[in-house]
Amino acid sequence: MSMAGKSCLVRGAALAQLLPMHLWLRDDGTVISAGPTLAKLLPDLDAGLVGRLSGARPGEPADPMTAIRGAVDGRRRLFLRVEPESRLVLRGHGVRVFDGSLLLNLGFGIGLHHAIRQAGLTDADFAPSDLAMELLFLHEANRGVLMELSRFNEQLAESRASALKQAQTDPLTGLGNRRKLDLTLSSALKPSETGDIRPFALVHLDLDNFKQVNDRLGHQAGDDLLRAVGKVLRDQIRRADTATRIGGDEFVLLLPGMISRPALEQLSGRIITAINALTPSQLSGPPVSTSLGIIIWPTDGAEHPDEVLALADEALYASKRSGRSRATIR
């Protein structure tokens, strides 16, 4: 072997140790030497650059040698896309050496983690002075922190939603509480985004003869009865409706879009029948029943939640004055 050939081999070996991502090319694109890390990423690089690398600078030719010559002779940063892994772009710079060949030193930049996964690179594939693995560690650590923050935010959102639901729930019956009613009714009274009024029915009901259950059978029996009433109401209303217990034996239903009197009469009849059937068998006094007061909104004199509730309350007491266990619709 000639001295020139031996010199080339020595230079190639030295480059491999110092620059594991180098690429040494003749001006016609023939590969003189490629660093071991680059060769690991592109094992068939000796067969030529076309189909393995392409120019990645926007607005410039994709032909790899055209991109390389342009960057080297123009003293610009070089960007080469690894084909067919379009997400991975190598970047670096190059110079022409004494015989007109081109010596490039390439790196991965922000695509480092893609390259490591694609070629299975380890710390041994980088020069001792290269901070690639340290940067990868920082990238993975940052990703881990972001994942933990994301999980924390999800847990925080779930906890907040749970706390909000709990704050609007009656613990005895599982229905909404007075706060839930206030929020839902206030929202229902607002016009839609297009300015349309959204009609609804509001049902205020309480239990007739409920006090005797507590007095004669005890508060546990009273609580059991209230829970049973809550189940009746849940079973009778639609998914879009809201059932709330606002205190004692008082309940309110908000029924969006239900403005048909016959439909409201049928619903009232089912609720009355179901609640009448809940009277404890050991109760010797009058049976427990329910009276309902119903208003259909919009109606005159009711623009605020308290005004709507007051009208429903008046309808409820009209039912009681008329003999109880019935509904009054206004």
C-alpha atoms as a PDB file:
ATOM      1  CA  MET A   1       0.000   0.000   0.000  1.00  0.00           C
ATOM      2  CA  SER A   2       1.316   3.465  -0.900  1.00  0.00           C
ATOM      3  CA  MET A   3       2.175   6.063   1.708  1.00  0.00           C
ATOM      4  CA  ALA A   4      -0.761   8.159   0.484  1.00  0.00           C
ATOM      5  CA  GLY A   5      -3.130   5.227   1.040  1.00  0.00           C
ATOM      6  CA  LYS A   6      -1.672   4.545   4.497  1.00  0.00           C
ATOM      7  CA  SER A   7      -1.985   8.234   5.327  1.00  0.00           C
ATOM      8  CA  CYS A   8      -5.643   8.160   4.287  1.00  0.00           C
ATOM      9  CA  LEU A   9      -6.258   5.124   6.493  1.00  0.00           C
ATOM     10  CA  VAL A  10      -4.550   6.797   9.434  1.00  0.00           C
ATOM     11  CA  ARG A  11      -6.604   9.936   8.969  1.00  0.00           C
ATOM     12  CA  GLY A  12      -9.800   7.867   8.662  1.00  0.00           C
ATOM     13  CA  ALA A  13      -9.029   5.964  11.867  1.00  0.00           C
ATOM     14  CA  ALA A  14      -8.233   9.177  13.725  1.00  0.00           C
ATOM     15  CA  LEU A  15     -11.403  10.811  12.455  1.00  0.00           C
ATOM     16  CA  ALA A  16     -13.423   7.790  13.567  1.00  0.00           C
ATOM     17  CA  GLN A  17     -12.178   8.253  17.142  1.00  0.00           C
ATOM     18  CA  LEU A  18     -12.405  12.025  17.269  1.00  0.00           C
ATOM     19  CA  LEU A  19     -15.477  12.557  15.095  1.00  0.00           C
ATOM     20  CA  PRO A  20     -17.769   9.502  15.219  1.00  0.00           C
ATOM     21  CA  MET A  21     -20.374  11.432  13.198  1.00  0.00           C
ATOM     22  CA  HIS A  22     -18.026  12.625  10.395  1.00  0.00           C
ATOM     23  CA  LEU A  23     -18.603  12.085   6.707  1.00  0.00           C
ATOM     24  CA  TRP A  24     -15.646  12.433   4.271  1.00  0.00           C
ATOM     25  CA  LEU A  25     -16.609  12.641   0.623  1.00  0.00           C
ATOM     26  CA  ARG A  26     -15.030  13.167  -2.724  1.00  0.00           C
ATOM     27  CA  ASP A  27     -16.590  15.914  -4.775  1.00  0.00           C
ATOM     28  CA  ASP A  28     -18.444  13.301  -6.866  1.00  0.00           C
ATOM     29  CA  GLY A  29     -20.152  11.908  -3.751  1.00  0.00           C
ATOM     30  CA  THR A  30     -17.957   8.873  -3.197  1.00  0.00           C
ATOM     31  CA  VAL A  31     -17.650   8.109   0.504  1.00  0.00           C
ATOM     32  CA  ILE A  32     -14.027   8.091   1.674  1.00  0.00           C
ATOM     33  CA  SER A  33     -14.821   7.628   5.360  1.00  0.00           C
ATOM     34  CA  ALA A  34     -17.822   7.679   7.660  1.00  0.00           C
ATOM     35  CA  GLY A  35     -17.749   7.800  11.440  1.00  0.00           C
ATOM     36  CA  PRO A  36     -18.886   4.650  13.249  1.00  0.00           C
ATOM     37  CA  THR A  37     -21.943   6.318  14.774  1.00  0.00           C
ATOM     38  CA  LEU A  38     -23.095   7.648  11.413  1.00  0.00           C
ATOM     39  CA  ALA A  39     -22.408   4.226   9.864  1.00  0.00           C
ATOM     40  CA  LYS A  40     -24.550   2.641  12.591  1.00  0.00           C
ATOM     41  CA  LEU A  41     -27.382   4.996  11.701  1.00  0.00           C
ATOM     42  CA  LEU A  42     -26.877   4.531   7.926  1.00  0.00           C
ATOM     43  CA  PRO A  43     -25.154   1.145   7.481  1.00  0.00           C
ATOM     44  CA  ASP A  44     -25.316   1.172   3.659  1.00  0.00           C
ATOM     45  CA  LEU A  45     -23.905   4.667   3.213  1.00  0.00           C
ATOM     46  CA  ASP A  46     -21.037   3.359   1.043  1.00  0.00           C
ATOM     47  CA  ALA A  47     -23.605   2.667  -1.678  1.00  0.00           C
ATOM     48  CA  GLY A  48     -24.184   6.399  -2.113  1.00  0.00           C
ATOM     49  CA  LEU A  49     -26.023   9.278  -0.503  1.00  0.00           C
ATOM     50  CA  VAL A  50     -29.110   9.363  -2.738  1.00  0.00           C
ATOM     51  CA  GLY A  51     -32.053   7.692  -1.060  1.00  0.00           C
ATOM     52  CA  ARG A  52     -30.274   7.810   2.315  1.00  0.00           C
ATOM     53  CA  LEU A  53     -29.740  11.545   2.823  1.00  0.00           C
ATOM     54  CA  SER A  54     -31.410  14.593   1.302  1.00  0.00           C
ATOM     55  CA  GLY A  55     -31.072  18.333   1.669  1.00  0.00           C
ATOM     56  CA  ALA A  56     -33.383  19.602   4.405  1.00  0.00           C
ATOM     57  CA  ARG A  57     -32.953  23.366   4.139  1.00  0.00           C
ATOM     58  CA  PRO A  58     -36.256  24.895   2.975  1.00  0.00           C
ATOM     59  CA  GLY A  59     -36.174  26.286  -0.541  1.00  0.00           C
ATOM     60  CA  GLU A  60     -32.964  24.483  -1.542  1.00  0.00           C
ATOM     61  CA  PRO A  61     -32.450  21.337  -3.677  1.00  0.00           C
ATOM     62  CA  ALA A  62     -33.040  17.962  -2.040  1.00  0.00           C
ATOM     63  CA  ASP A  63     -30.089  16.380  -3.846  1.00  0.00           C
ATOM     64  CA  PRO A  64     -27.635  15.606  -1.015  1.00  0.00           C
ATOM     65  CA  MET A  65     -24.398  16.520  -2.792  1.00  0.00           C
ATOM     66  CA  THR A  66     -25.858  19.787  -4.078  1.00  0.00           C
ATOM     67  CA  ALA A  67     -26.899  20.643  -0.525  1.00  0.00           C
ATOM     68  CA  ILE A  68     -23.494  19.645   0.859  1.00  0.00           C
ATOM     69  CA  ARG A  69     -21.458  21.604  -1.703  1.00  0.00           C
ATOM     70  CA  GLY A  70     -23.687  24.653  -1.264  1.00  0.00           C
ATOM     71  CA  ALA A  71     -23.330  24.639   2.529  1.00  0.00           C
ATOM     72  CA  VAL A  72     -19.562  23.956   2.517  1.00  0.00           C
ATOM     73  CA  ASP A  73     -18.640  26.459  -0.173  1.00  0.00           C
ATOM     74  CA  GLY A  74     -21.095  29.022   1.198  1.00  0.00           C
ATOM     75  CA  ARG A  75     -19.865  28.451   4.760  1.00  0.00           C
ATOM     76  CA  ARG A  76     -23.382  27.834   5.975  1.00  0.00           C
ATOM     77  CA  ARG A  77     -24.806  25.344   8.405  1.00  0.00           C
ATOM     78  CA  LEU A  78     -25.697  22.076   6.737  1.00  0.00           C
ATOM     79  CA  PHE A  79     -29.025  20.274   7.187  1.00  0.00           C
ATOM     80  CA  LEU A  80     -29.469  16.714   5.884  1.00  0.00           C
ATOM     81  CA  ARG A  81     -32.617  14.659   6.321  1.00  0.00           C
ATOM     82  CA  VAL A  82     -32.222  10.945   7.016  1.00  0.00           C
ATOM     83  CA  GLU A  83     -34.347   8.964   4.583  1.00  0.00           C
ATOM     84  CA  PRO A  84     -36.887   7.503   4.970  1.00  0.00           C
ATOM     85  CA  GLU A  85     -37.003   8.626   8.648  1.00  0.00           C
ATOM     86  CA  SER A  86     -38.349  12.090   7.783  1.00  0.00           C
ATOM     87  CA  ARG A  87     -38.420  13.278  11.428  1.00  0.00           C
ATOM     88  CA  LEU A  88     -34.644  12.928  11.797  1.00  0.00           C
ATOM     89  CA  VAL A  89     -32.547  15.821  10.473  1.00  0.00           C
ATOM     90  CA  LEU A  90     -28.764  15.907  10.862  1.00  0.00           C
ATOM     91  CA  ARG A  91     -27.103  19.267  11.141  1.00  0.00           C
ATOM     92  CA  GLY A  92     -23.498  20.360  11.094  1.00  0.00           C
ATOM     93  CA  HIS A  93     -20.845  22.032   8.978  1.00  0.00           C
ATOM     94  CA  GLY A  94     -18.025  21.080   6.629  1.00  0.00           C
ATOM     95  CA  VAL A  95     -14.810  22.169   4.944  1.00  0.00           C
ATOM     96  CA  ARG A  96     -12.878  21.307   1.821  1.00  0.00           C
ATOM     97  CA  VAL A  97      -9.541  19.660   2.525  1.00  0.00           C
ATOM     98  CA  PHE A  98      -6.278  19.806   0.532  1.00  0.00           C
ATOM     99  CA  ASP A  99      -7.412  17.529  -2.344  1.00  0.00           C
ATOM    100  CA  GLY A 100     -10.808  19.183  -2.844  1.00  0.00           C
ATOM    101  CA  SER A 101     -12.732  16.525  -0.901  1.00  0.00           C
ATOM    102  CA  LEU A 102     -15.348  17.513   1.633  1.00  0.00           C
ATOM    103  CA  LEU A 103     -15.132  16.738   5.337  1.00  0.00           C
ATOM    104  CA  LEU A 104     -18.348  17.058   7.296  1.00  0.00           C
ATOM    105  CA  ASN A 105     -18.995  16.900  11.034  1.00  0.00           C
ATOM    106  CA  LEU A 106     -22.647  16.148  11.731  1.00  0.00           C
ATOM    107  CA  GLY A 107     -24.837  16.026  14.819  1.00  0.00           C
ATOM    108  CA  PHE A 108     -28.403  15.247  15.802  1.00  0.00           C
ATOM    109  CA  GLY A 109     -29.634  18.462  17.424  1.00  0.00           C
ATOM    110  CA  ILE A 110     -33.166  18.178  18.773  1.00  0.00           C
ATOM    111  CA  GLY A 111     -33.629  14.895  16.890  1.00  0.00           C
ATOM    112  CA  LEU A 112     -31.189  13.136  19.226  1.00  0.00           C
ATOM    113  CA  HIS A 113     -33.796  10.975  20.981  1.00  0.00           C
ATOM    114  CA  HIS A 114     -35.212   9.813  17.607  1.00  0.00           C
ATOM    115  CA  ALA A 115     -31.740   8.784  16.441  1.00  0.00           C
ATOM    116  CA  ILE A 116     -30.957   6.911  19.637  1.00  0.00           C
ATOM    117  CA  ARG A 117     -34.188   4.945  19.403  1.00  0.00           C
ATOM    118  CA  GLN A 118     -33.782   4.304  15.677  1.00  0.00           C
ATOM    119  CA  ALA A 119     -30.158   3.076  15.766  1.00  0.00           C
ATOM    120  CA  GLY A 120     -29.898   1.907  19.387  1.00  0.00           C
ATOM    121  CA  LEU A 121     -27.074   4.324  20.158  1.00  0.00           C
ATOM    122  CA  THR A 122     -25.298   4.357  23.511  1.00  0.00           C
ATOM    123  CA  ASP A 123     -22.812   6.603  25.257  1.00  0.00           C
ATOM    124  CA  ALA A 124     -19.972   4.729  23.516  1.00  0.00           C
ATOM    125  CA  ASP A 125     -21.212   5.972  20.135  1.00  0.00           C
ATOM    126  CA  PHE A 126     -20.370   9.586  20.973  1.00  0.00           C
ATOM    127  CA  ALA A 127     -17.070  11.378  21.376  1.00  0.00           C
ATOM    128  CA  PRO A 128     -16.020  11.940  25.003  1.00  0.00           C
ATOM    129  CA  SER A 129     -16.388  15.673  24.498  1.00  0.00           C
ATOM    130  CA  ASP A 130     -19.911  15.304  23.083  1.00  0.00           C
ATOM    131  CA  LEU A 131     -22.710  16.240  25.465  1.00  0.00           C
ATOM    132  CA  ALA A 132     -25.280  14.247  23.508  1.00  0.00           C
ATOM    133  CA  MET A 133     -26.075  11.752  26.271  1.00  0.00           C
ATOM    134  CA  GLU A 134     -26.249  14.510  28.862  1.00  0.00           C
ATOM    135  CA  LEU A 135     -28.680  16.375  26.623  1.00  0.00           C
ATOM    136  CA  LEU A 136     -30.679  13.189  26.155  1.00  0.00           C
ATOM    137  CA  PHE A 137     -30.821  12.744  29.927  1.00  0.00           C
ATOM    138  CA  LEU A 138     -32.068  16.307  30.302  1.00  0.00           C
ATOM    139  CA  HIS A 139     -34.647  15.688  27.569  1.00  0.00           C
ATOM    140  CA  GLU A 140     -35.911  12.530  29.264  1.00  0.00           C
ATOM    141  CA  ALA A 141     -35.881  14.191  32.675  1.00  0.00           C
ATOM    142  CA  ASN A 142     -37.840  17.133  31.279  1.00  0.00           C
ATOM    143  CA  ARG A 143     -40.323  14.774  29.636  1.00  0.00           C
ATOM    144  CA  GLY A 144     -40.698  12.900  32.922  1.00  0.00           C
ATOM    145  CA  VAL A 145     -41.353  16.144  34.790  1.00  0.00           C
ATOM    146  CA  LEU A 146     -43.920  17.208  32.181  1.00  0.00           C
ATOM    147  CA  MET A 147     -45.666  13.841  32.418  1.00  0.00           C
ATOM    148  CA  GLU A 148     -45.808  14.121  36.193  1.00  0.00           C
ATOM    149  CA  LEU A 149     -47.163  17.669  35.920  1.00  0.00           C
ATOM    150  CA  SER A 150     -49.764  16.464  33.436  1.00  0.00           C
ATOM    151  CA  ARG A 151     -50.834  13.648  35.778  1.00  0.00           C
ATOM    152  CA  PHE A 152     -50.914  16.085  38.690  1.00  0.00           C
ATOM    153  CA  ASN A 153     -53.099  18.503  36.711  1.00  0.00           C
ATOM    154  CA  GLU A 154     -55.446  15.670  35.761  1.00  0.00           C
ATOM    155  CA  GLN A 155     -55.704  14.554  39.383  1.00  0.00           C
ATOM    156  CA  LEU A 156     -56.248  18.163  40.453  1.00  0.00           C
ATOM    157  CA  ALA A 157     -59.018  18.579  37.870  1.00  0.00           C
ATOM    158  CA  GLU A 158     -60.641  15.319  38.995  1.00  0.00           C
ATOM    159  CA  SER A 159     -60.412  16.348  42.643  1.00  0.00           C
ATOM    160  CA  ARG A 160     -61.871  19.755  41.859  1.00  0.00           C
ATOM    161  CA  ALA A 161     -64.735  18.187  39.884  1.00  0.00           C
ATOM    162  CA  SER A 162     -65.373  15.723  42.722  1.00  0.00           C
ATOM    163  CA  ALA A 163     -65.342  18.483  45.337  1.00  0.00           C
ATOM    164  CA  LEU A 164     -67.657  20.618  43.212  1.00  0.00           C
ATOM    165  CA  LYS A 165     -70.073  17.727  42.765  1.00  0.00           C
ATOM    166  CA  GLN A 166     -69.962  16.971  46.481  1.00  0.00           C
ATOM    167  CA  ALA A 167     -70.640  20.624  47.298  1.00  0.00           C
ATOM    168  CA  GLN A 168     -73.786  20.464  45.143  1.00  0.00           C
ATOM    169  CA  THR A 169     -75.069  17.082  46.351  1.00  0.00           C
ATOM    170  CA  ASP A 170     -77.513  16.273  49.148  1.00  0.00           C
ATOM    171  CA  PRO A 171     -75.679  13.595  51.178  1.00  0.00           C
ATOM    172  CA  LEU A 172     -78.870  11.818  52.284  1.00  0.00           C
ATOM    173  CA  THR A 173     -80.630  11.267  48.949  1.00  0.00           C
ATOM    174  CA  GLY A 174     -77.796  11.757  46.439  1.00  0.00           C
ATOM    175  CA  LEU A 175     -79.913  14.378  44.630  1.00  0.00           C
ATOM    176  CA  GLY A 176     -78.720  17.919  44.079  1.00  0.00           C
ATOM    177  CA  ASN A 177     -78.908  20.336  47.003  1.00  0.00           C
ATOM    178  CA  ARG A 178     -80.100  23.944  47.242  1.00  0.00           C
ATOM    179  CA  ARG A 179     -76.847  25.235  45.763  1.00  0.00           C
ATOM    180  CA  LYS A 180     -77.275  22.918  42.782  1.00  0.00           C
ATOM    181  CA  LEU A 181     -80.814  24.198  42.267  1.00  0.00           C
ATOM    182  CA  ASP A 182     -79.723  27.849  42.481  1.00  0.00           C
ATOM    183  CA  LEU A 183     -76.991  27.331  39.871  1.00  0.00           C
ATOM    184  CA  THR A 184     -79.164  25.273  37.530  1.00  0.00           C
ATOM    185  CA  LEU A 185     -82.170  27.573  37.797  1.00  0.00           C
ATOM    186  CA  SER A 186     -80.060  30.705  37.264  1.00  0.00           C
ATOM    187  CA  SER A 187     -78.591  29.124  34.134  1.00  0.00           C
ATOM    188  CA  ALA A 188     -82.018  28.066  32.867  1.00  0.00           C
ATOM    189  CA  LEU A 189     -83.345  31.634  33.184  1.00  0.00           C
ATOM    190  CA  LYS A 190     -80.618  33.049  30.944  1.00  0.00           C
ATOM    191  CA  PRO A 191     -81.321  33.320  27.195  1.00  0.00           C
ATOM    192  CA  SER A 192     -79.411  30.984  24.895  1.00  0.00           C
ATOM    193  CA  GLU A 193     -76.347  32.167  22.958  1.00  0.00           C
ATOM    194  CA  THR A 194     -78.675  33.144  20.099  1.00  0.00           C
ATOM    195  CA  GLY A 195     -80.887  35.136  22.486  1.00  0.00           C
ATOM    196  CA  ASP A 196     -83.726  32.583  22.496  1.00  0.00           C
ATOM    197  CA  ILE A 197     -85.746  31.984  25.649  1.00  0.00           C
ATOM    198  CA  ARG A 198     -85.540  28.359  26.811  1.00  0.00           C
ATOM    199  CA  PRO A 199     -88.837  27.313  28.459  1.00  0.00           C
ATOM    200  CA  PHE A 200     -88.983  24.851  31.329  1.00  0.00           C
ATOM    201  CA  ALA A 201     -91.256  23.535  34.055  1.00  0.00           C
ATOM    202  CA  LEU A 202     -90.411  23.861  37.745  1.00  0.00           C
ATOM    203  CA  VAL A 203     -91.972  21.386  40.164  1.00  0.00           C
ATOM    204  CA  HIS A 204     -91.976  22.063  43.918  1.00  0.00           C
ATOM    205  CA  LEU A 205     -93.171  19.146  46.016  1.00  0.00           C
ATOM    206  CA  ASP A 206     -93.154  18.065  49.633  1.00  0.00           C
ATOM    207  CA  LEU A 207     -94.461  15.103  51.612  1.00  0.00           C
ATOM    208  CA  ASP A 208     -97.860  15.126  53.258  1.00  0.00           C
ATOM    209  CA  ASN A 209     -97.966  13.636  56.760  1.00  0.00           C
ATOM    210  CA  PHE A 210     -94.196  13.169  56.839  1.00  0.00           C
ATOM    211  CA  LYS A 211     -93.820  14.468  60.402  1.00  0.00           C
ATOM    212  CA  GLN A 212     -95.668  11.465  61.826  1.00  0.00           C
ATOM    213  CA  VAL A 213     -93.019   9.132  60.372  1.00  0.00           C
ATOM    214  CA  ASN A 214     -90.285  10.830  62.396  1.00  0.00           C
ATOM    215  CA  ASP A 215     -92.500  11.178  65.481  1.00  0.00           C
ATOM    216  CA  ARG A 216     -93.811   7.599  65.574  1.00  0.00           C
ATOM    217  CA  LEU A 217     -91.113   5.538  63.851  1.00  0.00           C
ATOM    218  CA  GLY A 218     -87.979   7.600  64.487  1.00  0.00           C
ATOM    219  CA  HIS A 219     -85.639   9.666  62.370  1.00  0.00           C
ATOM    220  CA  GLN A 220     -83.989   6.620  60.804  1.00  0.00           C
ATOM    221  CA  ALA A 221     -87.335   5.658  59.287  1.00  0.00           C
ATOM    222  CA  GLY A 222     -87.745   9.251  58.116  1.00  0.00           C
ATOM    223  CA  ASP A 223     -84.329   9.219  56.471  1.00  0.00           C
ATOM    224  CA  ASP A 224     -85.110   5.890  54.783  1.00  0.00           C
ATOM    225  CA  LEU A 225     -88.318   7.351  53.405  1.00  0.00           C
ATOM    226  CA  LEU A 226     -86.528  10.449  52.064  1.00  0.00           C
ATOM    227  CA  ARG A 227     -83.949   8.250  50.347  1.00  0.00           C
ATOM    228  CA  ALA A 228     -86.770   6.244  48.774  1.00  0.00           C
ATOM    229  CA  VAL A 229     -88.428   9.452  47.544  1.00  0.00           C
ATOM    230  CA  GLY A 230     -85.121  10.514  46.001  1.00  0.00           C
ATOM    231  CA  LYS A 231     -84.992   7.224  44.073  1.00  0.00           C
ATOM    232  CA  VAL A 232     -88.581   7.714  42.852  1.00  0.00           C
ATOM    233  CA  LEU A 233     -87.730  11.144  41.507  1.00  0.00           C
ATOM    234  CA  ARG A 234     -84.542   9.914  39.801  1.00  0.00           C
ATOM    235  CA  ASP A 235     -86.485   7.101  38.164  1.00  0.00           C
ATOM    236  CA  GLN A 236     -89.236   9.397  36.874  1.00  0.00           C
ATOM    237  CA  ILE A 237     -87.255  12.241  35.339  1.00  0.00           C
ATOM    238  CA  ARG A 238     -85.179  12.410  32.150  1.00  0.00           C
ATOM    239  CA  ARG A 239     -81.391  12.587  31.886  1.00  0.00           C
ATOM    240  CA  ALA A 240     -81.521  16.328  31.101  1.00  0.00           C
ATOM    241  CA  ASP A 241     -83.736  17.096  34.119  1.00  0.00           C
ATOM    242  CA  THR A 242     -82.501  18.099  37.570  1.00  0.00           C
ATOM    243  CA  ALA A 243     -83.861  16.740  40.863  1.00  0.00           C
ATOM    244  CA  THR A 244     -82.917  18.462  44.111  1.00  0.00           C
ATOM    245  CA  ARG A 245     -83.731  18.225  47.790  1.00  0.00           C
ATOM    246  CA  ILE A 246     -83.730  21.742  49.182  1.00  0.00           C
ATOM    247  CA  GLY A 247     -84.354  20.892  52.822  1.00  0.00           C
ATOM    248  CA  GLY A 248     -86.407  18.620  55.070  1.00  0.00           C
ATOM    249  CA  ASP A 249     -89.021  16.864  52.932  1.00  0.00           C
ATOM    250  CA  GLU A 250     -89.017  19.514  50.184  1.00  0.00           C
ATOM    251  CA  PHE A 251     -87.903  18.674  46.656  1.00  0.00           C
ATOM    252  CA  VAL A 252     -87.681  20.670  43.432  1.00  0.00           C
ATOM    253  CA  LEU A 253     -87.518  19.366  39.865  1.00  0.00           C
ATOM    254  CA  LEU A 254     -86.348  21.478  36.931  1.00  0.00           C
ATOM    255  CA  LEU A 255     -87.567  20.072  33.605  1.00  0.00           C
ATOM    256  CA  PRO A 256     -86.085  21.853  30.536  1.00  0.00           C
ATOM    257  CA  GLY A 257     -88.438  22.067  27.565  1.00  0.00           C
ATOM    258  CA  MET A 258     -91.329  20.284  29.295  1.00  0.00           C
ATOM    259  CA  ILE A 259     -94.211  22.714  28.826  1.00  0.00           C
ATOM    260  CA  SER A 260     -97.000  20.310  27.857  1.00  0.00           C
ATOM    261  CA  ARG A 261     -99.701  20.268  30.524  1.00  0.00           C
ATOM    262  CA  PRO A 262    -100.829  16.718  29.684  1.00  0.00           C
ATOM    263  CA  ALA A 263     -97.217  15.498  29.980  1.00  0.00           C
ATOM    264  CA  LEU A 264     -96.809  17.273  33.310  1.00  0.00           C
ATOM    265  CA  GLU A 265    -100.088  15.810  34.570  1.00  0.00           C
ATOM    266  CA  GLN A 266     -98.933  12.301  33.639  1.00  0.00           C
ATOM    267  CA  LEU A 267     -95.559  12.826  35.336  1.00  0.00           C
ATOM    268  CA  SER A 268     -97.268  14.178  38.469  1.00  0.00           C
ATOM    269  CA  GLY A 269     -99.606  11.191  38.569  1.00  0.00           C
ATOM    270  CA  ARG A 270     -96.726   8.732  38.380  1.00  0.00           C
ATOM    271  CA  ILE A 271     -94.811  10.527  41.149  1.00  0.00           C
ATOM    272  CA  ILE A 272     -97.873  10.719  43.415  1.00  0.00           C
ATOM    273  CA  THR A 273     -98.662   7.018  42.911  1.00  0.00           C
ATOM    274  CA  ALA A 274     -95.067   5.926  43.536  1.00  0.00           C
ATOM    275  CA  ILE A 275     -94.650   8.041  46.682  1.00  0.00           C
ATOM    276  CA  ASN A 276     -98.014   6.976  48.097  1.00  0.00           C
ATOM    277  CA  ALA A 277     -96.750   3.393  47.895  1.00  0.00           C
ATOM    278  CA  LEU A 278     -93.795   4.236  50.141  1.00  0.00           C
ATOM    279  CA  THR A 279     -95.840   4.650  53.341  1.00  0.00           C
ATOM    280  CA  PRO A 280     -94.240   2.389  55.994  1.00  0.00           C
ATOM    281  CA  SER A 281     -96.494  -0.587  56.745  1.00  0.00           C
ATOM    282  CA  GLN A 282     -96.158  -0.105  60.502  1.00  0.00           C
ATOM    283  CA  LEU A 283     -97.472   3.470  60.299  1.00  0.00           C
ATOM    284  CA  SER A 284    -101.001   3.554  61.781  1.00  0.00           C
ATOM    285  CA  GLY A 285    -101.812   7.171  60.919  1.00  0.00           C
ATOM    286  CA  PRO A 286    -102.702   8.814  57.598  1.00  0.00           C
ATOM    287  CA  PRO A 287    -100.610   7.588  54.631  1.00  0.00           C
ATOM    288  CA  VAL A 288     -97.669   9.578  53.385  1.00  0.00           C
ATOM    289  CA  SER A 289     -98.433  11.288  50.099  1.00  0.00           C
ATOM    290  CA  THR A 290     -97.072  14.207  48.108  1.00  0.00           C
ATOM    291  CA  SER A 291     -98.413  17.531  46.915  1.00  0.00           C
ATOM    292  CA  LEU A 292     -96.945  19.284  43.886  1.00  0.00           C
ATOM    293  CA  GLY A 293     -96.902  22.854  42.649  1.00  0.00           C
ATOM    294  CA  ILE A 294     -95.847  23.350  39.032  1.00  0.00           C
ATOM    295  CA  ILE A 295     -95.198  26.457  36.969  1.00  0.00           C
ATOM    296  CA  ILE A 296     -94.396  26.677  33.287  1.00  0.00           C
ATOM    297  CA  TRP A 297     -91.799  29.313  32.516  1.00  0.00           C
ATOM    298  CA  PRO A 298     -91.685  31.908  30.992  1.00  0.00           C
ATOM    299  CA  THR A 299     -94.453  33.426  32.989  1.00  0.00           C
ATOM    300  CA  ASP A 300     -95.213  36.978  34.050  1.00  0.00           C
ATOM    301  CA  GLY A 301     -93.663  38.211  37.274  1.00  0.00           C
ATOM    302  CA  ALA A 302     -90.840  35.656  37.336  1.00  0.00           C
ATOM    303  CA  GLU A 303     -87.493  36.862  36.077  1.00  0.00           C
ATOM    304  CA  HIS A 304     -85.248  35.767  38.949  1.00  0.00           C
ATOM    305  CA  PRO A 305     -84.779  32.381  40.652  1.00  0.00           C
ATOM    306  CA  ASP A 306     -86.462  33.477  43.904  1.00  0.00           C
ATOM    307  CA  GLU A 307     -89.493  34.739  41.985  1.00  0.00           C
ATOM    308  CA  VAL A 308     -89.827  31.482  40.054  1.00  0.00           C
ATOM    309  CA  LEU A 309     -89.536  29.442  43.239  1.00  0.00           C
ATOM    310  CA  ALA A 310     -92.096  31.656  44.986  1.00  0.00           C
ATOM    311  CA  LEU A 311     -94.644  31.002  42.219  1.00  0.00           C
ATOM    312  CA  ALA A 312     -94.035  27.244  42.405  1.00  0.00           C
ATOM    313  CA  ASP A 313     -94.408  27.433  46.191  1.00  0.00           C
ATOM    314  CA  GLU A 314     -97.775  29.199  45.794  1.00  0.00           C
ATOM    315  CA  ALA A 315     -98.927  26.425  43.432  1.00  0.00           C
ATOM    316  CA  LEU A 316     -97.774  23.809  45.981  1.00  0.00           C
ATOM    317  CA  TYR A 317     -99.867  25.342  48.761  1.00  0.00           C
ATOM    318  CA  ALA A 318    -102.826  25.552  46.416  1.00  0.00           C
ATOM    319  CA  SER A 319    -102.553  21.741  46.108  1.00  0.00           C
ATOM    320  CA  LYS A 320    -102.471  21.388  49.892  1.00  0.00           C
ATOM    321  CA  ARG A 321    -105.516  23.624  50.346  1.00  0.00           C
ATOM    322  CA  SER A 322    -107.360  21.525  47.773  1.00  0.00           C
ATOM    323  CA  GLY A 323    -106.899  18.311  49.737  1.00  0.00           C
ATOM    324  CA  ARG A 324    -103.264  17.232  49.206  1.00  0.00           C
ATOM    325  CA  SER A 325    -101.891  14.318  47.152  1.00  0.00           C
ATOM    326  CA  ARG A 326    -102.426  16.268  43.946  1.00  0.00           C
ATOM    327  CA  ALA A 327    -100.678  18.684  41.554  1.00  0.00           C
ATOM    328  CA  THR A 328    -101.491  22.276  40.655  1.00  0.00           C
ATOM    329  CA  ILE A 329    -100.110  23.574  37.330  1.00  0.00           C
ATOM    330  CA  ARG A 330     -99.886  27.318  36.697  1.00  0.00           C
END
